[in-house]
Amino acid sequence: MSGHLLGAIPSSITLLSSLQSLKLSGCRLSGSLDDNLFTFKLLRNLDLSFNSLSGTIPDQLFSLSQLESINLSANNLTGNIPLSIGDLKFLKSLTITNNFLSGPLPETIAQLIQLTFVDLSSNRIGGTILPGLQKLSYLQFLNLNSNAFVGEIPSSIGTLKHLSFLDISRNALYGKIPPISGMRSLSVIYLDNNLFDGNF
């Protein structure tokens, strides 16, 4: 279902109690993330990208404990990513690009050890890059570009041996770039428009 709805998510959708995959991308949905979404206890894949959803990401979203993939990109979401995201033990893909998210990344993201894909680019997320990155040992894709991250790149990033794509450009990172020789799968790396010093 894509491109044919307008307004809020219909309440009748709650009758689909066995739903495992829900895609409402590009449907011109507006308003906040609806309580109707939080009844799908078997939901594995959620795609609400390219709408006009606003407000914050509610804690209840992360009560859907079977979620493996979340895409909330290209909306008008604000506020922090809740700490309760750490409850999604099966989450493999997290995509929330092109919103207005702010605040630091919650440390609980490091509990999502099944993650392979993270794209949080083009937001206003600040603070330091998560120091517990080494726990995300299956991570293959990490895009944090065009945010407000500060501080140094954590040395633990060099332990991500499956990471093939890394983009942390257009932030306010500084200091020396840590050793990355252990990142044997890395094929794309973007570090531009930061404040690094020293030798590469």
N, C-alpha and C. Protein backbone atom coordinates (compact mmCIF):
# COMPACT_ATOMS: atom_id res chain seq x y z
N MET A 1 0.85 -1.18 0.00
CA MET A 1 0.00 0.00 0.00
C MET A 1 0.89 1.23 0.00
N SER A 2 0.85 2.01 -1.08
CA SER A 2 1.75 3.16 -1.18
C SER A 2 1.13 4.21 -2.07
N GLY A 3 1.03 5.45 -1.58
CA GLY A 3 0.64 6.57 -2.41
C GLY A 3 -0.85 6.79 -2.57
N HIS A 4 -1.72 6.09 -1.84
CA HIS A 4 -3.16 6.21 -2.08
C HIS A 4 -3.95 6.67 -0.87
N LEU A 5 -3.31 6.88 0.26
CA LEU A 5 -4.01 7.33 1.46
C LEU A 5 -3.75 8.81 1.68
N LEU A 6 -4.54 9.41 2.54
CA LEU A 6 -4.38 10.82 2.87
C LEU A 6 -4.87 11.03 4.30
N GLY A 7 -4.07 11.75 5.11
CA GLY A 7 -4.48 12.02 6.47
C GLY A 7 -3.93 11.02 7.45
N ALA A 8 -4.74 10.66 8.43
CA ALA A 8 -4.29 9.77 9.51
C ALA A 8 -4.36 8.30 9.09
N ILE A 9 -3.64 7.47 9.81
CA ILE A 9 -3.71 6.02 9.59
C ILE A 9 -5.09 5.54 10.03
N PRO A 10 -5.83 4.83 9.17
CA PRO A 10 -7.20 4.43 9.51
C PRO A 10 -7.25 3.49 10.71
N SER A 11 -8.21 3.71 11.60
CA SER A 11 -8.32 2.89 12.81
C SER A 11 -8.69 1.45 12.49
N SER A 12 -9.33 1.22 11.35
CA SER A 12 -9.76 -0.14 10.99
C SER A 12 -8.58 -1.07 10.77
N ILE A 13 -7.39 -0.49 10.60
CA ILE A 13 -6.21 -1.32 10.36
C ILE A 13 -5.88 -2.18 11.59
N THR A 14 -6.39 -1.79 12.74
CA THR A 14 -6.11 -2.55 13.97
C THR A 14 -6.74 -3.94 13.94
N LEU A 15 -7.67 -4.17 13.04
CA LEU A 15 -8.32 -5.48 12.93
C LEU A 15 -7.39 -6.53 12.34
N LEU A 16 -6.29 -6.08 11.75
CA LEU A 16 -5.35 -7.01 11.10
C LEU A 16 -4.33 -7.49 12.13
N SER A 17 -4.79 -8.29 13.06
CA SER A 17 -3.97 -8.66 14.22
C SER A 17 -2.78 -9.56 13.87
N SER A 18 -2.80 -10.18 12.68
CA SER A 18 -1.71 -11.07 12.29
C SER A 18 -0.69 -10.38 11.39
N LEU A 19 -0.82 -9.07 11.24
CA LEU A 19 0.03 -8.32 10.32
C LEU A 19 1.51 -8.42 10.71
N GLN A 20 2.34 -8.74 9.72
CA GLN A 20 3.78 -8.84 9.96
C GLN A 20 4.58 -7.79 9.20
N SER A 21 4.00 -7.24 8.13
CA SER A 21 4.71 -6.23 7.34
C SER A 21 3.73 -5.14 6.94
N LEU A 22 4.09 -3.89 7.22
CA LEU A 22 3.23 -2.75 6.92
C LEU A 22 4.04 -1.67 6.21
N LYS A 23 3.67 -1.38 4.95
CA LYS A 23 4.32 -0.33 4.19
C LYS A 23 3.29 0.71 3.79
N LEU A 24 3.45 1.92 4.31
CA LEU A 24 2.59 3.05 3.98
C LEU A 24 3.45 4.22 3.51
N SER A 25 4.42 3.92 2.69
CA SER A 25 5.35 4.93 2.19
C SER A 25 4.68 5.82 1.15
N GLY A 26 4.94 7.13 1.25
CA GLY A 26 4.44 8.07 0.26
C GLY A 26 2.94 8.16 0.18
N CYS A 27 2.27 8.07 1.31
CA CYS A 27 0.80 8.09 1.34
C CYS A 27 0.24 9.42 1.83
N ARG A 28 1.07 10.42 1.99
CA ARG A 28 0.65 11.74 2.46
C ARG A 28 -0.02 11.67 3.83
N LEU A 29 0.46 10.76 4.65
CA LEU A 29 -0.04 10.66 6.02
C LEU A 29 0.46 11.84 6.84
N SER A 30 -0.37 12.33 7.74
CA SER A 30 0.01 13.46 8.59
C SER A 30 -0.35 13.15 10.04
N GLY A 31 -0.02 14.10 10.91
CA GLY A 31 -0.27 13.88 12.33
C GLY A 31 0.87 13.11 12.97
N SER A 32 0.65 12.67 14.19
CA SER A 32 1.69 11.96 14.94
C SER A 32 1.60 10.46 14.67
N LEU A 33 2.62 9.75 15.11
CA LEU A 33 2.60 8.29 15.01
C LEU A 33 1.44 7.76 15.85
N ASP A 34 0.53 7.10 15.20
CA ASP A 34 -0.77 6.77 15.77
C ASP A 34 -0.73 5.57 16.72
N ASP A 35 -1.56 5.62 17.76
CA ASP A 35 -1.67 4.49 18.69
C ASP A 35 -2.11 3.21 17.98
N ASN A 36 -2.78 3.36 16.84
CA ASN A 36 -3.24 2.18 16.10
C ASN A 36 -2.09 1.28 15.68
N LEU A 37 -0.90 1.88 15.56
CA LEU A 37 0.25 1.10 15.13
C LEU A 37 0.73 0.12 16.19
N PHE A 38 0.44 0.41 17.43
CA PHE A 38 1.08 -0.30 18.52
C PHE A 38 0.33 -1.56 18.95
N THR A 39 -0.63 -1.97 18.12
CA THR A 39 -1.40 -3.18 18.40
C THR A 39 -0.86 -4.40 17.65
N PHE A 40 0.07 -4.17 16.74
CA PHE A 40 0.56 -5.26 15.87
C PHE A 40 1.74 -5.97 16.53
N LYS A 41 1.46 -6.86 17.43
CA LYS A 41 2.52 -7.49 18.22
C LYS A 41 3.38 -8.45 17.40
N LEU A 42 2.92 -8.82 16.18
CA LEU A 42 3.70 -9.71 15.32
C LEU A 42 4.45 -8.96 14.23
N LEU A 43 4.34 -7.63 14.23
CA LEU A 43 4.91 -6.83 13.15
C LEU A 43 6.43 -6.94 13.11
N ARG A 44 6.94 -7.23 11.90
CA ARG A 44 8.38 -7.36 11.71
C ARG A 44 8.96 -6.20 10.89
N ASN A 45 8.18 -5.69 9.94
CA ASN A 45 8.68 -4.64 9.04
C ASN A 45 7.70 -3.48 9.01
N LEU A 46 8.20 -2.28 9.28
CA LEU A 46 7.38 -1.07 9.31
C LEU A 46 8.03 0.01 8.45
N ASP A 47 7.30 0.48 7.43
CA ASP A 47 7.81 1.52 6.54
C ASP A 47 6.76 2.62 6.43
N LEU A 48 7.04 3.76 7.05
CA LEU A 48 6.17 4.94 7.00
C LEU A 48 6.91 6.12 6.38
N SER A 49 7.85 5.84 5.53
CA SER A 49 8.71 6.88 4.95
C SER A 49 7.94 7.74 3.94
N PHE A 50 8.48 8.94 3.71
CA PHE A 50 7.95 9.87 2.71
C PHE A 50 6.48 10.21 2.96
N ASN A 51 6.22 10.65 4.17
CA ASN A 51 4.92 11.17 4.55
C ASN A 51 5.12 12.54 5.21
N SER A 52 4.14 12.97 5.98
CA SER A 52 4.25 14.25 6.70
C SER A 52 3.97 14.05 8.18
N LEU A 53 4.41 12.91 8.69
CA LEU A 53 4.22 12.61 10.11
C LEU A 53 5.06 13.55 10.97
N SER A 54 4.51 13.98 12.08
CA SER A 54 5.19 14.95 12.94
C SER A 54 5.14 14.48 14.39
N GLY A 55 5.71 15.31 15.26
CA GLY A 55 5.76 14.94 16.67
C GLY A 55 6.97 14.07 16.97
N THR A 56 7.00 13.53 18.15
CA THR A 56 8.13 12.71 18.58
C THR A 56 7.87 11.23 18.30
N ILE A 57 8.94 10.44 18.40
CA ILE A 57 8.80 8.99 18.27
C ILE A 57 8.38 8.45 19.64
N PRO A 58 7.20 7.86 19.74
CA PRO A 58 6.72 7.41 21.06
C PRO A 58 7.40 6.13 21.53
N ASP A 59 7.53 6.00 22.83
CA ASP A 59 8.10 4.79 23.42
C ASP A 59 7.34 3.53 23.00
N GLN A 60 6.03 3.68 22.79
CA GLN A 60 5.21 2.51 22.49
C GLN A 60 5.63 1.82 21.20
N LEU A 61 6.23 2.57 20.28
CA LEU A 61 6.68 1.96 19.03
C LEU A 61 7.64 0.82 19.31
N PHE A 62 8.45 0.99 20.33
CA PHE A 62 9.48 0.00 20.62
C PHE A 62 8.97 -1.12 21.53
N SER A 63 7.67 -1.11 21.78
CA SER A 63 7.04 -2.26 22.45
C SER A 63 6.70 -3.35 21.44
N LEU A 64 6.84 -3.05 20.14
CA LEU A 64 6.62 -4.04 19.09
C LEU A 64 7.89 -4.88 18.97
N SER A 65 8.01 -5.82 19.86
CA SER A 65 9.30 -6.48 20.11
C SER A 65 9.79 -7.36 18.98
N GLN A 66 8.93 -7.65 17.98
CA GLN A 66 9.35 -8.50 16.87
C GLN A 66 9.91 -7.71 15.69
N LEU A 67 9.94 -6.40 15.79
CA LEU A 67 10.38 -5.57 14.67
C LEU A 67 11.82 -5.90 14.25
N GLU A 68 11.99 -6.06 12.94
CA GLU A 68 13.31 -6.29 12.36
C GLU A 68 13.75 -5.12 11.49
N SER A 69 12.78 -4.33 11.01
CA SER A 69 13.11 -3.22 10.11
C SER A 69 12.17 -2.06 10.38
N ILE A 70 12.74 -0.86 10.54
CA ILE A 70 11.97 0.37 10.73
C ILE A 70 12.47 1.41 9.73
N ASN A 71 11.54 2.01 8.98
CA ASN A 71 11.88 3.11 8.08
C ASN A 71 10.89 4.25 8.31
N LEU A 72 11.37 5.33 8.91
CA LEU A 72 10.56 6.52 9.18
C LEU A 72 11.13 7.73 8.45
N SER A 73 11.85 7.51 7.38
CA SER A 73 12.56 8.58 6.68
C SER A 73 11.61 9.58 6.03
N ALA A 74 12.14 10.79 5.82
CA ALA A 74 11.44 11.84 5.07
C ALA A 74 10.07 12.15 5.66
N ASN A 75 10.07 12.46 6.96
CA ASN A 75 8.89 12.96 7.65
C ASN A 75 9.29 14.25 8.37
N ASN A 76 8.52 14.64 9.37
CA ASN A 76 8.82 15.85 10.15
C ASN A 76 8.94 15.52 11.63
N LEU A 77 9.54 14.38 11.93
CA LEU A 77 9.66 13.92 13.31
C LEU A 77 10.70 14.73 14.07
N THR A 78 10.42 15.00 15.34
CA THR A 78 11.30 15.81 16.18
C THR A 78 11.64 15.05 17.46
N GLY A 79 12.49 15.68 18.29
CA GLY A 79 12.82 15.10 19.58
C GLY A 79 13.90 14.04 19.50
N ASN A 80 14.09 13.35 20.61
CA ASN A 80 15.14 12.33 20.73
C ASN A 80 14.65 10.96 20.28
N ILE A 81 15.60 10.09 19.94
CA ILE A 81 15.28 8.67 19.79
C ILE A 81 15.17 8.10 21.20
N PRO A 82 14.03 7.51 21.56
CA PRO A 82 13.84 7.05 22.95
C PRO A 82 14.82 5.95 23.37
N LEU A 83 15.12 5.93 24.65
CA LEU A 83 15.97 4.87 25.21
C LEU A 83 15.39 3.48 24.98
N SER A 84 14.07 3.41 24.89
CA SER A 84 13.41 2.11 24.76
C SER A 84 13.69 1.42 23.44
N ILE A 85 14.38 2.09 22.51
CA ILE A 85 14.76 1.42 21.27
C ILE A 85 15.61 0.18 21.56
N GLY A 86 16.29 0.19 22.69
CA GLY A 86 17.13 -0.94 23.07
C GLY A 86 16.35 -2.22 23.33
N ASP A 87 15.01 -2.13 23.39
CA ASP A 87 14.19 -3.31 23.62
C ASP A 87 13.97 -4.14 22.36
N LEU A 88 14.34 -3.60 21.20
CA LEU A 88 14.07 -4.28 19.92
C LEU A 88 15.22 -5.24 19.60
N LYS A 89 15.23 -6.36 20.26
CA LYS A 89 16.36 -7.29 20.19
C LYS A 89 16.56 -7.92 18.82
N PHE A 90 15.52 -7.87 17.96
CA PHE A 90 15.61 -8.49 16.64
C PHE A 90 15.85 -7.47 15.53
N LEU A 91 15.99 -6.19 15.88
CA LEU A 91 16.10 -5.14 14.87
C LEU A 91 17.40 -5.27 14.07
N LYS A 92 17.23 -5.29 12.75
CA LYS A 92 18.37 -5.40 11.84
C LYS A 92 18.60 -4.13 11.03
N SER A 93 17.52 -3.39 10.75
CA SER A 93 17.63 -2.21 9.90
C SER A 93 16.88 -1.04 10.53
N LEU A 94 17.58 0.09 10.71
CA LEU A 94 17.01 1.30 11.29
C LEU A 94 17.29 2.47 10.35
N THR A 95 16.23 3.03 9.76
CA THR A 95 16.37 4.11 8.80
C THR A 95 15.44 5.25 9.19
N ILE A 96 16.02 6.36 9.65
CA ILE A 96 15.23 7.54 10.03
C ILE A 96 15.95 8.77 9.48
N THR A 97 16.13 8.85 8.19
CA THR A 97 16.81 9.97 7.56
C THR A 97 15.84 11.13 7.31
N ASN A 98 16.41 12.31 7.10
CA ASN A 98 15.63 13.48 6.67
C ASN A 98 14.42 13.76 7.57
N ASN A 99 14.72 13.94 8.84
CA ASN A 99 13.74 14.40 9.81
C ASN A 99 14.36 15.54 10.60
N PHE A 100 13.86 15.80 11.79
CA PHE A 100 14.39 16.87 12.63
C PHE A 100 14.73 16.33 14.02
N LEU A 101 15.20 15.09 14.06
CA LEU A 101 15.57 14.49 15.34
C LEU A 101 16.76 15.21 15.95
N SER A 102 16.80 15.28 17.27
CA SER A 102 17.87 16.00 17.97
C SER A 102 18.31 15.19 19.18
N GLY A 103 19.13 15.83 20.01
CA GLY A 103 19.62 15.15 21.20
C GLY A 103 20.68 14.12 20.87
N PRO A 104 21.25 13.49 21.87
CA PRO A 104 22.27 12.46 21.63
C PRO A 104 21.65 11.13 21.23
N LEU A 105 22.45 10.28 20.64
CA LEU A 105 22.01 8.91 20.39
C LEU A 105 21.87 8.19 21.73
N PRO A 106 20.80 7.45 21.95
CA PRO A 106 20.69 6.71 23.20
C PRO A 106 21.72 5.58 23.26
N GLU A 107 22.35 5.42 24.41
CA GLU A 107 23.34 4.36 24.57
C GLU A 107 22.75 2.98 24.36
N THR A 108 21.43 2.87 24.50
CA THR A 108 20.78 1.57 24.36
C THR A 108 20.84 1.03 22.93
N ILE A 109 21.18 1.87 21.96
CA ILE A 109 21.34 1.36 20.59
C ILE A 109 22.40 0.27 20.55
N ALA A 110 23.38 0.38 21.42
CA ALA A 110 24.46 -0.62 21.46
C ALA A 110 23.95 -2.00 21.89
N GLN A 111 22.72 -2.07 22.40
CA GLN A 111 22.13 -3.36 22.78
C GLN A 111 21.55 -4.09 21.57
N LEU A 112 21.44 -3.40 20.44
CA LEU A 112 20.80 -3.98 19.25
C LEU A 112 21.84 -4.73 18.43
N ILE A 113 22.26 -5.85 18.95
CA ILE A 113 23.43 -6.54 18.39
C ILE A 113 23.14 -7.22 17.06
N GLN A 114 21.87 -7.24 16.63
CA GLN A 114 21.54 -7.81 15.32
C GLN A 114 21.61 -6.77 14.20
N LEU A 115 21.82 -5.51 14.53
CA LEU A 115 21.80 -4.44 13.52
C LEU A 115 22.84 -4.67 12.43
N THR A 116 22.39 -4.53 11.18
CA THR A 116 23.30 -4.55 10.03
C THR A 116 23.28 -3.24 9.27
N PHE A 117 22.19 -2.46 9.41
CA PHE A 117 22.00 -1.25 8.60
C PHE A 117 21.46 -0.14 9.49
N VAL A 118 22.18 1.00 9.54
CA VAL A 118 21.73 2.18 10.29
C VAL A 118 21.93 3.41 9.43
N ASP A 119 20.85 4.13 9.16
CA ASP A 119 20.93 5.40 8.42
C ASP A 119 20.12 6.44 9.19
N LEU A 120 20.82 7.36 9.84
CA LEU A 120 20.21 8.45 10.60
C LEU A 120 20.64 9.79 10.03
N SER A 121 20.98 9.83 8.77
CA SER A 121 21.53 11.03 8.14
C SER A 121 20.48 12.14 8.03
N SER A 122 20.98 13.37 7.92
CA SER A 122 20.15 14.55 7.70
C SER A 122 19.11 14.74 8.80
N ASN A 123 19.61 14.83 10.02
CA ASN A 123 18.81 15.19 11.18
C ASN A 123 19.57 16.28 11.95
N ARG A 124 19.31 16.40 13.23
CA ARG A 124 20.03 17.36 14.09
C ARG A 124 20.57 16.64 15.33
N ILE A 125 20.88 15.37 15.17
CA ILE A 125 21.35 14.55 16.28
C ILE A 125 22.75 15.01 16.69
N GLY A 126 22.97 15.19 17.99
CA GLY A 126 24.24 15.70 18.48
C GLY A 126 24.90 14.76 19.46
N GLY A 127 25.79 15.34 20.27
CA GLY A 127 26.54 14.52 21.20
C GLY A 127 27.64 13.76 20.49
N THR A 128 28.21 12.80 21.18
CA THR A 128 29.29 12.02 20.60
C THR A 128 28.73 10.79 19.90
N ILE A 129 29.52 10.28 18.95
CA ILE A 129 29.15 9.02 18.31
C ILE A 129 29.23 7.91 19.35
N LEU A 130 28.27 7.04 19.33
CA LEU A 130 28.11 6.00 20.33
C LEU A 130 29.41 5.26 20.64
N PRO A 131 29.93 5.32 21.88
CA PRO A 131 31.18 4.64 22.21
C PRO A 131 31.06 3.12 22.23
N GLY A 132 29.85 2.58 22.35
CA GLY A 132 29.67 1.13 22.39
C GLY A 132 29.51 0.49 21.03
N LEU A 133 30.01 1.16 20.00
CA LEU A 133 29.85 0.66 18.64
C LEU A 133 30.38 -0.75 18.44
N GLN A 134 31.41 -1.12 19.18
CA GLN A 134 32.02 -2.44 18.98
C GLN A 134 31.05 -3.58 19.26
N LYS A 135 29.97 -3.29 19.99
CA LYS A 135 28.98 -4.33 20.26
C LYS A 135 28.13 -4.65 19.02
N LEU A 136 28.10 -3.72 18.06
CA LEU A 136 27.31 -3.92 16.85
C LEU A 136 28.17 -4.63 15.81
N SER A 137 28.56 -5.83 16.13
CA SER A 137 29.58 -6.54 15.34
C SER A 137 29.10 -6.98 13.97
N TYR A 138 27.78 -6.98 13.73
CA TYR A 138 27.25 -7.36 12.42
C TYR A 138 26.99 -6.16 11.51
N LEU A 139 27.27 -4.96 11.99
CA LEU A 139 26.94 -3.75 11.25
C LEU A 139 27.70 -3.69 9.92
N GLN A 140 26.94 -3.44 8.84
CA GLN A 140 27.52 -3.35 7.50
C GLN A 140 27.42 -1.95 6.91
N PHE A 141 26.43 -1.18 7.35
CA PHE A 141 26.17 0.15 6.76
C PHE A 141 25.87 1.12 7.89
N LEU A 142 26.62 2.23 7.95
CA LEU A 142 26.41 3.26 8.97
C LEU A 142 26.50 4.63 8.32
N ASN A 143 25.38 5.36 8.32
CA ASN A 143 25.34 6.69 7.73
C ASN A 143 24.81 7.67 8.77
N LEU A 144 25.68 8.57 9.22
CA LEU A 144 25.34 9.59 10.21
C LEU A 144 25.61 10.99 9.66
N ASN A 145 25.68 11.13 8.35
CA ASN A 145 26.08 12.42 7.78
C ASN A 145 25.02 13.50 8.00
N SER A 146 25.48 14.75 7.96
CA SER A 146 24.61 15.92 8.08
C SER A 146 23.82 15.91 9.38
N ASN A 147 24.56 15.81 10.48
CA ASN A 147 23.99 15.93 11.81
C ASN A 147 24.81 16.94 12.61
N ALA A 148 24.83 16.82 13.92
CA ALA A 148 25.56 17.76 14.77
C ALA A 148 26.47 17.01 15.74
N PHE A 149 26.99 15.87 15.32
CA PHE A 149 27.88 15.10 16.18
C PHE A 149 29.18 15.86 16.45
N VAL A 150 29.67 15.74 17.69
CA VAL A 150 30.91 16.41 18.09
C VAL A 150 31.84 15.37 18.71
N GLY A 151 33.05 15.81 19.02
CA GLY A 151 34.01 14.92 19.67
C GLY A 151 34.79 14.10 18.68
N GLU A 152 35.49 13.11 19.20
CA GLU A 152 36.33 12.26 18.36
C GLU A 152 35.57 11.02 17.91
N ILE A 153 36.03 10.45 16.80
CA ILE A 153 35.49 9.16 16.38
C ILE A 153 35.96 8.12 17.39
N PRO A 154 35.06 7.33 17.97
CA PRO A 154 35.50 6.33 18.95
C PRO A 154 36.42 5.30 18.30
N SER A 155 37.47 4.94 18.99
CA SER A 155 38.43 3.97 18.44
C SER A 155 37.78 2.62 18.19
N SER A 156 36.67 2.35 18.89
CA SER A 156 35.99 1.06 18.73
C SER A 156 35.43 0.86 17.33
N ILE A 157 35.31 1.95 16.57
CA ILE A 157 34.78 1.82 15.21
C ILE A 157 35.69 0.94 14.36
N GLY A 158 36.97 0.91 14.70
CA GLY A 158 37.93 0.12 13.94
C GLY A 158 37.78 -1.38 14.11
N THR A 159 36.91 -1.80 15.03
CA THR A 159 36.69 -3.23 15.26
C THR A 159 35.54 -3.79 14.43
N LEU A 160 34.86 -2.93 13.68
CA LEU A 160 33.68 -3.36 12.92
C LEU A 160 34.12 -3.99 11.61
N LYS A 161 34.45 -5.25 11.66
CA LYS A 161 35.07 -5.91 10.52
C LYS A 161 34.11 -6.20 9.37
N HIS A 162 32.80 -6.09 9.62
CA HIS A 162 31.82 -6.31 8.55
C HIS A 162 31.33 -5.01 7.92
N LEU A 163 31.75 -3.87 8.46
CA LEU A 163 31.26 -2.58 7.96
C LEU A 163 31.84 -2.30 6.58
N SER A 164 30.94 -2.09 5.60
CA SER A 164 31.39 -1.81 4.23
C SER A 164 31.15 -0.37 3.83
N PHE A 165 30.21 0.33 4.50
CA PHE A 165 29.88 1.71 4.16
C PHE A 165 29.86 2.54 5.43
N LEU A 166 30.64 3.63 5.45
CA LEU A 166 30.68 4.54 6.60
C LEU A 166 30.65 5.97 6.11
N ASP A 167 29.63 6.72 6.52
CA ASP A 167 29.53 8.13 6.17
C ASP A 167 29.25 8.92 7.45
N ILE A 168 30.25 9.67 7.90
CA ILE A 168 30.08 10.55 9.06
C ILE A 168 30.45 11.98 8.67
N SER A 169 30.28 12.29 7.39
CA SER A 169 30.60 13.62 6.88
C SER A 169 29.59 14.66 7.38
N ARG A 170 29.99 15.92 7.28
CA ARG A 170 29.12 17.05 7.61
C ARG A 170 28.60 17.01 9.05
N ASN A 171 29.56 16.88 9.96
CA ASN A 171 29.29 16.98 11.39
C ASN A 171 30.30 17.96 11.98
N ALA A 172 30.56 17.88 13.27
CA ALA A 172 31.57 18.74 13.90
C ALA A 172 32.56 17.87 14.66
N LEU A 173 32.92 16.75 14.07
CA LEU A 173 33.88 15.83 14.68
C LEU A 173 35.29 16.39 14.60
N TYR A 174 36.12 16.08 15.57
CA TYR A 174 37.48 16.62 15.58
C TYR A 174 38.45 15.57 16.11
N GLY A 175 39.71 15.96 16.21
CA GLY A 175 40.73 15.04 16.71
C GLY A 175 41.31 14.19 15.61
N LYS A 176 41.97 13.13 16.01
CA LYS A 176 42.62 12.25 15.04
C LYS A 176 41.67 11.13 14.60
N ILE A 177 41.83 10.71 13.38
CA ILE A 177 41.07 9.58 12.86
C ILE A 177 41.69 8.30 13.41
N PRO A 178 40.91 7.46 14.08
CA PRO A 178 41.48 6.25 14.70
C PRO A 178 41.91 5.23 13.65
N PRO A 179 42.72 4.26 14.03
CA PRO A 179 43.13 3.21 13.08
C PRO A 179 41.92 2.45 12.54
N ILE A 180 41.92 2.24 11.24
CA ILE A 180 40.80 1.54 10.61
C ILE A 180 41.27 0.33 9.81
N SER A 181 42.50 -0.08 10.04
CA SER A 181 43.06 -1.19 9.26
C SER A 181 42.33 -2.51 9.52
N GLY A 182 41.64 -2.60 10.66
CA GLY A 182 40.89 -3.82 10.96
C GLY A 182 39.56 -3.92 10.25
N MET A 183 39.17 -2.82 9.56
CA MET A 183 37.87 -2.79 8.88
C MET A 183 38.04 -3.35 7.47
N ARG A 184 38.24 -4.64 7.38
CA ARG A 184 38.62 -5.28 6.12
C ARG A 184 37.53 -5.25 5.06
N SER A 185 36.28 -5.05 5.46
CA SER A 185 35.17 -5.04 4.49
C SER A 185 34.86 -3.64 3.98
N LEU A 186 35.52 -2.62 4.54
CA LEU A 186 35.18 -1.24 4.22
C LEU A 186 35.50 -0.91 2.76
N SER A 187 34.47 -0.50 2.01
CA SER A 187 34.67 -0.13 0.61
C SER A 187 34.33 1.33 0.33
N VAL A 188 33.53 1.97 1.22
CA VAL A 188 33.16 3.38 1.06
C VAL A 188 33.30 4.07 2.41
N ILE A 189 34.03 5.20 2.43
CA ILE A 189 34.15 5.98 3.66
C ILE A 189 34.14 7.47 3.32
N TYR A 190 33.25 8.22 3.97
CA TYR A 190 33.14 9.67 3.79
C TYR A 190 33.36 10.34 5.15
N LEU A 191 34.39 11.18 5.21
CA LEU A 191 34.73 11.88 6.45
C LEU A 191 34.76 13.39 6.26
N ASP A 192 34.38 13.87 5.09
CA ASP A 192 34.56 15.28 4.74
C ASP A 192 33.69 16.21 5.59
N ASN A 193 34.09 17.49 5.58
CA ASN A 193 33.38 18.54 6.29
C ASN A 193 33.26 18.26 7.79
N ASN A 194 34.41 17.92 8.39
CA ASN A 194 34.57 17.82 9.83
C ASN A 194 35.80 18.63 10.22
N LEU A 195 36.32 18.44 11.41
CA LEU A 195 37.41 19.27 11.92
C LEU A 195 38.60 18.41 12.35
N PHE A 196 38.88 17.36 11.62
CA PHE A 196 39.95 16.44 11.99
C PHE A 196 41.32 17.09 11.86
N ASP A 197 42.28 16.55 12.62
CA ASP A 197 43.66 17.01 12.50
C ASP A 197 44.59 15.80 12.49
N GLY A 198 45.85 16.04 12.28
CA GLY A 198 46.83 14.96 12.25
C GLY A 198 46.85 14.24 10.92
N ASN A 199 47.56 13.14 10.89
CA ASN A 199 47.70 12.35 9.67
C ASN A 199 46.59 11.31 9.58
N PHE A 200 46.28 10.93 8.35
CA PHE A 200 45.26 9.89 8.12
C PHE A 200 45.89 8.52 8.35
